[in-house]
Protein backbone atom coordinates (compact mmCIF):
# COMPACT_ATOMS: atom_id res chain seq x y z
CA UNK A 1 138.01 300.69 122.92
CA UNK A 2 141.45 300.90 124.45
CA UNK A 3 141.43 300.05 128.17
CA UNK A 4 142.99 303.36 129.24
CA UNK A 5 140.42 305.39 127.30
CA UNK A 6 137.59 303.23 128.62
CA UNK A 7 138.78 303.62 132.22
CA UNK A 8 139.13 307.39 131.78
CA UNK A 9 135.60 307.67 130.32
CA UNK A 10 134.16 305.69 133.24
CA UNK A 11 136.10 307.80 135.72
CA UNK A 12 134.77 311.02 134.16
CA UNK A 13 131.21 309.71 134.03
CA UNK A 14 131.44 308.95 137.74
CA UNK A 15 132.16 312.60 138.57
CA UNK A 16 135.92 312.18 138.65
CA UNK A 17 135.85 308.99 140.67
CA UNK A 18 133.65 310.28 143.51
CA UNK A 19 130.79 307.95 142.56
CA UNK A 20 132.85 305.00 141.44
CA UNK A 21 130.13 302.42 142.10
CA UNK A 22 127.60 304.17 139.87
CA UNK A 23 128.86 302.87 136.50
CA UNK A 24 129.90 299.37 135.49
CA UNK A 25 131.33 298.61 132.07
CA UNK A 26 132.45 295.10 131.16
CA UNK A 27 133.44 293.72 127.80
CA UNK A 28 134.31 290.19 126.69
CA UNK A 29 133.71 288.58 130.08
CA UNK A 30 133.25 284.84 129.76
CA UNK A 31 130.74 284.39 132.60
CA UNK A 32 129.03 286.87 134.90
CA UNK A 33 127.49 285.16 137.90
CA UNK A 34 124.61 286.26 140.13
CA UNK A 35 126.80 287.08 143.13
CA UNK A 36 128.72 289.60 141.00
CA UNK A 37 125.53 291.31 139.85
CA UNK A 38 124.40 291.77 143.47
CA UNK A 39 127.46 294.01 144.02
CA UNK A 40 126.10 296.44 141.44
CA UNK A 41 122.95 297.41 143.37
CA UNK A 42 123.89 301.12 143.55
CA UNK A 43 124.65 301.34 139.82
CA UNK A 44 123.11 304.01 137.64
CA UNK A 45 124.68 302.76 134.40
CA UNK A 46 125.57 299.19 133.41
CA UNK A 47 127.08 298.29 130.06
CA UNK A 48 127.96 294.70 129.20
CA UNK A 49 129.22 293.96 125.68
CA UNK A 50 130.14 290.51 124.41
CA UNK A 51 129.72 289.05 127.90
CA UNK A 52 127.82 285.91 128.88
CA UNK A 53 125.14 286.98 131.35
CA UNK A 54 122.58 284.17 131.18
CA UNK A 55 123.60 282.58 134.49
CA UNK A 56 123.79 285.91 136.29
CA UNK A 57 120.29 286.87 135.22
CA UNK A 58 118.56 283.81 136.61
CA UNK A 59 117.19 286.00 139.41
CA UNK A 60 115.61 289.43 139.13
CA UNK A 61 118.29 291.99 139.99
CA UNK A 62 117.52 294.92 142.29
CA UNK A 63 118.76 298.16 140.75
CA UNK A 64 116.62 300.96 142.22
CA UNK A 65 118.84 303.72 140.75
CA UNK A 66 119.59 302.17 137.36
CA UNK A 67 119.03 304.57 134.47
CA UNK A 68 120.96 302.85 131.66
CA UNK A 69 121.22 299.14 130.90
CA UNK A 70 123.15 298.02 127.84
CA UNK A 71 123.35 294.26 127.32
CA UNK A 72 124.72 294.18 123.80
CA UNK A 73 125.76 290.89 122.21
CA UNK A 74 125.55 289.16 125.57
CA UNK A 75 124.18 285.78 124.56
CA UNK A 76 120.82 286.62 126.10
CA UNK A 77 118.07 284.16 125.24
CA UNK A 78 115.33 285.49 127.48
CA UNK A 79 114.76 287.66 130.50
CA UNK A 80 113.48 286.14 133.72
CA UNK A 81 109.98 287.01 134.93
CA UNK A 82 110.18 290.06 137.15
CA UNK A 83 113.48 291.21 135.64
CA UNK A 84 112.41 294.88 135.53
CA UNK A 85 110.51 294.80 138.82
CA UNK A 86 113.24 296.62 140.77
CA UNK A 87 114.35 299.08 138.08
CA UNK A 88 111.81 301.88 138.54
CA UNK A 89 113.76 304.75 136.93
CA UNK A 90 115.36 303.07 133.93
CA UNK A 91 115.48 305.32 130.86
CA UNK A 92 117.78 303.51 128.42
CA UNK A 93 117.58 299.84 127.38
CA UNK A 94 119.77 298.34 124.68
CA UNK A 95 119.43 294.62 123.98
CA UNK A 96 120.89 294.82 120.48
CA UNK A 97 122.86 292.00 118.88
CA UNK A 98 121.31 289.30 121.07
CA UNK A 99 120.36 287.04 118.18
CA UNK A 100 118.74 284.41 120.41
CA UNK A 101 116.37 286.84 122.14
CA UNK A 102 112.98 285.96 120.62
CA UNK A 103 110.51 287.58 122.97
CA UNK A 104 110.16 290.94 124.62
CA UNK A 105 108.75 290.52 128.14
CA UNK A 106 105.44 292.34 128.68
CA UNK A 107 106.71 293.92 131.87
CA UNK A 108 108.98 296.13 129.76
CA UNK A 109 105.81 298.02 128.87
CA UNK A 110 105.44 299.11 132.51
CA UNK A 111 108.71 301.05 132.54
CA UNK A 112 107.20 304.51 132.77
CA UNK A 113 110.53 306.35 132.54
CA UNK A 114 111.83 304.49 129.47
CA UNK A 115 113.02 306.89 126.75
CA UNK A 116 115.28 304.74 124.56
CA UNK A 117 114.80 301.13 123.43
CA UNK A 118 117.13 299.36 121.00
CA UNK A 119 116.28 295.82 119.83
CA UNK A 120 118.47 295.77 116.71
CA UNK A 121 119.72 292.34 115.57
CA UNK A 122 117.46 290.35 117.90
CA UNK A 123 115.07 287.59 116.84
CA UNK A 124 111.95 289.14 118.32
CA UNK A 125 108.87 288.09 116.38
CA UNK A 126 106.16 290.29 117.87
CA UNK A 127 105.97 293.70 119.44
CA UNK A 128 103.42 293.72 122.25
CA UNK A 129 100.44 296.06 121.95
CA UNK A 130 101.28 297.24 125.46
CA UNK A 131 104.33 298.98 124.00
CA UNK A 132 102.04 301.98 123.52
CA UNK A 133 102.12 302.43 127.33
CA UNK A 134 105.70 303.73 127.02
CA UNK A 135 104.54 307.31 126.72
CA UNK A 136 107.98 308.80 127.48
CA UNK A 137 109.70 306.74 124.78
CA UNK A 138 111.62 309.08 122.47
CA UNK A 139 113.73 306.62 120.49
CA UNK A 140 112.77 303.14 119.25
CA UNK A 141 115.29 301.20 117.15
CA UNK A 142 114.12 297.96 115.50
CA UNK A 143 116.74 297.54 112.77
CA UNK A 144 117.54 294.12 111.30
CA UNK A 145 114.70 292.28 113.03
CA UNK A 146 114.60 289.59 110.38
CA UNK A 147 111.97 287.52 112.20
CA UNK A 148 109.65 290.37 113.13
CA UNK A 149 106.15 289.44 112.03
CA UNK A 150 103.87 291.85 113.87
CA UNK A 151 103.81 295.40 115.11
CA UNK A 152 100.20 295.93 116.20
CA UNK A 153 98.44 298.81 114.50
CA UNK A 154 98.44 302.15 116.30
CA UNK A 155 101.31 301.20 118.62
CA UNK A 156 103.83 303.57 117.05
CA UNK A 157 101.30 306.37 116.60
CA UNK A 158 100.32 306.08 120.30
CA UNK A 159 103.82 307.04 121.45
CA UNK A 160 103.39 310.81 121.91
CA UNK A 161 107.06 311.66 122.57
CA UNK A 162 108.61 309.43 119.91
CA UNK A 163 111.18 311.47 117.99
CA UNK A 164 113.15 308.71 116.30
CA UNK A 165 111.81 305.41 115.00
CA UNK A 166 114.01 303.15 112.90
CA UNK A 167 113.04 299.82 111.39
CA UNK A 168 115.68 299.40 108.71
CA UNK A 169 116.15 296.05 107.00
CA UNK A 170 117.99 295.61 103.71
CA UNK A 171 116.16 294.02 100.82
CA UNK A 172 116.98 290.43 100.09
C-alpha cells in the first residue's frame, strides 16, 4: 500500500487523528524490540506485516484495550507463555503466513471475546480441543495448513456463532 494512503487510512481509523495512539501499522520492519512494544500499551489495533517480531515478543505484552492483532508474515516461531494474559478484549487475531509457527498456544482458547481467527499458511499440526471454548468465534480460517493432522471431533460444531469456516487446501 502506498505510504500516503496507509497514513490516511490510519488517521481516519483513529477518529481523524484524535486517538493517534490507538492504531499501529508497521510493514517491512527489520527488528521490533520489546521497548518499542511497551509504547503501544494503549493500542486498540496493531498490524505488523513482514516485520521481525520474535525479539519483541520475548515478554508478554500488556494491551488491555487491544481488539485487533495482525501479525502476518512476521517470522513468528512461537508465542511466549502468557502472551494473551493481558489482552482481555481481543476480537481479531491473524497469524497468517507465519510458516514457522507450529503450535497454537492453549491460552488462545481462553479469549472469550475472540470473533475472528486466521491461521492460514502456518505449520500448525493440531487444533486444540479447547478451541470449542471460543463461543463468540464467527470466522475461522485454516487455509493452506499443509501440516495439519488433527482437528478434534465436535470442535467446529461446538462453535455456536461460527458463520464462516474455511479449510481450503489444493490437491497435490
